[in-house]
Amino acid sequence: MRLVIDANILFAALIKNSLTAKLLLNKDLKFYAPEFLFEEFAKYEDYLLNKTHRNKDNFENFYNLLKQKIKIIPKKEIDPFLKQAKKFSPDPKDTVYLALCLAFTLPFWSNDKKLKEQQNLVQILTTEEILNKFGIL
């Protein structure tokens, strides 16, 4: 299964070794993200390091593994879909993610209830829904 991944999903997995973290390592899942995803991470790295239950080495190793697993999509490939996504996005921060979903016809892995309820442009899958799809819950 191919999915666009929300930054908050990545952050949650980095903070805690959880089912979300295990899903990120699942070989049957392929992840896509806009190019600013790791810039966003850099902005919050100190905060995440203070919140994490991982030691620094484990945190960095897991992060580097995720960087290899998540395919970063250049903004120029998403740009043609931004106008359409902007019309449907309840939160401006999600517009680029929705545009990426449109560009590659992919569902979006996000636990944002407002996004799931207030737009019908792309399929939103929560962590629980993905876990159920893979028979983990």
Protein backbone atom coordinates (compact mmCIF):
# COMPACT_ATOMS: atom_id res chain seq x y z
CA MET A 1 0.00 0.00 0.00
CA ARG A 2 1.25 3.47 -0.91
CA LEU A 3 0.43 6.42 1.37
CA VAL A 4 1.20 10.08 1.80
CA ILE A 5 2.38 10.49 5.39
CA ASP A 6 1.54 13.40 7.67
CA ALA A 7 4.42 14.97 9.62
CA ASN A 8 2.53 14.36 12.86
CA ILE A 9 2.58 10.60 12.19
CA LEU A 10 6.34 10.73 11.74
CA PHE A 11 6.74 12.80 14.91
CA ALA A 12 4.61 10.37 16.94
CA ALA A 13 6.68 7.42 15.77
CA LEU A 14 9.93 9.18 16.62
CA ILE A 15 8.72 10.04 20.12
CA LYS A 16 7.50 6.59 21.07
CA ASN A 17 8.24 3.05 19.95
CA SER A 18 4.62 2.21 19.21
CA LEU A 19 2.39 0.49 16.67
CA THR A 20 2.75 3.63 14.54
CA ALA A 21 6.53 3.15 14.53
CA LYS A 22 6.08 -0.51 13.59
CA LEU A 23 3.77 0.45 10.72
CA LEU A 24 6.40 2.82 9.39
CA LEU A 25 8.78 -0.12 9.13
CA ASN A 26 6.25 -2.42 7.46
CA LYS A 27 7.69 -3.62 4.14
CA ASP A 28 4.23 -3.59 2.54
CA LEU A 29 3.82 0.15 3.08
CA LYS A 30 5.46 2.78 0.86
CA PHE A 31 5.44 6.39 2.00
CA TYR A 32 5.48 9.70 0.15
CA ALA A 33 5.84 13.21 1.52
CA PRO A 34 6.35 16.77 0.32
CA GLU A 35 9.93 17.97 0.33
CA PHE A 36 9.45 20.15 3.40
CA LEU A 37 8.76 17.15 5.66
CA PHE A 38 12.34 16.81 6.87
CA GLU A 39 12.72 20.59 7.10
CA GLU A 40 9.73 20.48 9.44
CA PHE A 41 11.47 17.78 11.43
CA ALA A 42 14.65 19.87 11.72
CA LYS A 43 12.57 22.71 13.17
CA TYR A 44 11.24 20.46 15.95
CA GLU A 45 14.21 18.12 16.45
CA ASP A 46 15.17 19.44 19.90
CA TYR A 47 11.56 19.31 21.05
CA LEU A 48 11.21 15.71 19.79
CA LEU A 49 14.48 14.67 21.42
CA ASN A 50 13.24 16.04 24.76
CA LYS A 51 9.89 14.21 24.44
CA THR A 52 11.14 10.88 23.10
CA HIS A 53 11.28 7.63 25.03
CA ARG A 54 14.17 6.61 22.77
CA ASN A 55 17.81 7.21 23.57
CA LYS A 56 19.64 9.59 21.22
CA ASP A 57 21.31 6.83 19.17
CA ASN A 58 18.06 4.90 18.74
CA PHE A 59 16.24 8.10 17.83
CA GLU A 60 18.83 9.02 15.18
CA ASN A 61 18.97 5.49 13.76
CA PHE A 62 15.18 5.30 13.48
CA TYR A 63 15.04 8.76 11.92
CA ASN A 64 17.70 7.84 9.34
CA LEU A 65 15.80 4.65 8.50
CA LEU A 66 12.64 6.68 7.93
CA LYS A 67 14.51 9.12 5.69
CA GLN A 68 15.41 6.16 3.48
CA LYS A 69 11.88 4.75 3.51
CA ILE A 70 9.95 7.97 2.76
CA LYS A 71 10.08 9.12 -0.84
CA ILE A 72 10.28 12.90 -0.96
CA ILE A 73 8.32 14.51 -3.81
CA PRO A 74 9.61 17.83 -5.18
CA LYS A 75 7.30 20.82 -4.94
CA LYS A 76 7.23 21.24 -8.73
CA GLU A 77 5.40 17.89 -9.04
CA ILE A 78 2.78 18.99 -6.52
CA ASP A 79 2.31 22.61 -7.67
CA PRO A 80 -0.25 21.85 -10.43
CA PHE A 81 -2.60 20.41 -7.78
CA LEU A 82 -2.28 23.09 -5.11
CA LYS A 83 -5.14 25.28 -6.32
CA GLN A 84 -7.61 22.40 -6.24
CA ALA A 85 -6.36 21.16 -2.86
CA LYS A 86 -6.59 24.66 -1.36
CA LYS A 87 -10.33 24.78 -2.14
CA PHE A 88 -10.98 21.64 -0.08
CA SER A 89 -8.43 21.85 2.73
CA PRO A 90 -9.91 22.87 6.09
CA ASP A 91 -6.38 23.72 7.29
CA PRO A 92 -3.83 25.54 5.10
CA LYS A 93 -1.06 23.35 6.57
CA ASP A 94 -2.65 20.30 4.94
CA THR A 95 -2.96 21.78 1.45
CA VAL A 96 0.40 20.51 0.20
CA TYR A 97 -0.33 17.02 1.53
CA LEU A 98 -3.71 16.95 -0.21
CA ALA A 99 -2.10 18.21 -3.42
CA LEU A 100 0.44 15.40 -3.21
CA CYS A 101 -2.37 12.89 -2.74
CA LEU A 102 -4.05 14.28 -5.85
CA ALA A 103 -0.83 14.27 -7.88
CA PHE A 104 -0.18 10.58 -7.22
CA THR A 105 -3.74 9.37 -6.47
CA LEU A 106 -2.80 8.25 -2.98
CA PRO A 107 -4.58 8.13 0.37
CA PHE A 108 -3.30 10.30 3.21
CA TRP A 109 -2.23 8.78 6.54
CA SER A 110 -3.38 11.31 9.11
CA ASN A 111 -5.17 11.19 12.45
CA ASP A 112 -6.64 14.66 11.89
CA LYS A 113 -10.39 14.17 12.47
CA LYS A 114 -11.26 17.61 11.13
CA LEU A 115 -9.45 16.87 7.87
CA LYS A 116 -11.18 13.51 7.54
CA GLU A 117 -14.63 14.98 8.21
CA GLN A 118 -14.42 18.31 6.37
CA GLN A 119 -13.08 17.34 2.98
CA ASN A 120 -13.94 14.62 0.48
CA LEU A 121 -11.20 15.23 -2.04
CA VAL A 122 -8.86 12.44 -0.91
CA GLN A 123 -9.14 9.36 1.25
CA ILE A 124 -7.86 9.90 4.79
CA LEU A 125 -6.73 6.81 6.68
CA THR A 126 -6.11 6.90 10.41
CA THR A 127 -3.48 4.80 12.14
CA GLU A 128 -6.25 2.59 13.51
CA GLU A 129 -7.68 2.03 10.01
CA ILE A 130 -4.27 1.07 8.65
CA LEU A 131 -3.65 -1.27 11.57
CA ASN A 132 -7.04 -2.89 10.89
CA LYS A 133 -6.22 -3.29 7.18
CA PHE A 134 -3.09 -5.20 8.11
CA GLY A 135 -4.85 -7.25 10.78
CA ILE A 136 -2.80 -5.79 13.61
CA LEU A 137 -5.82 -4.63 15.65
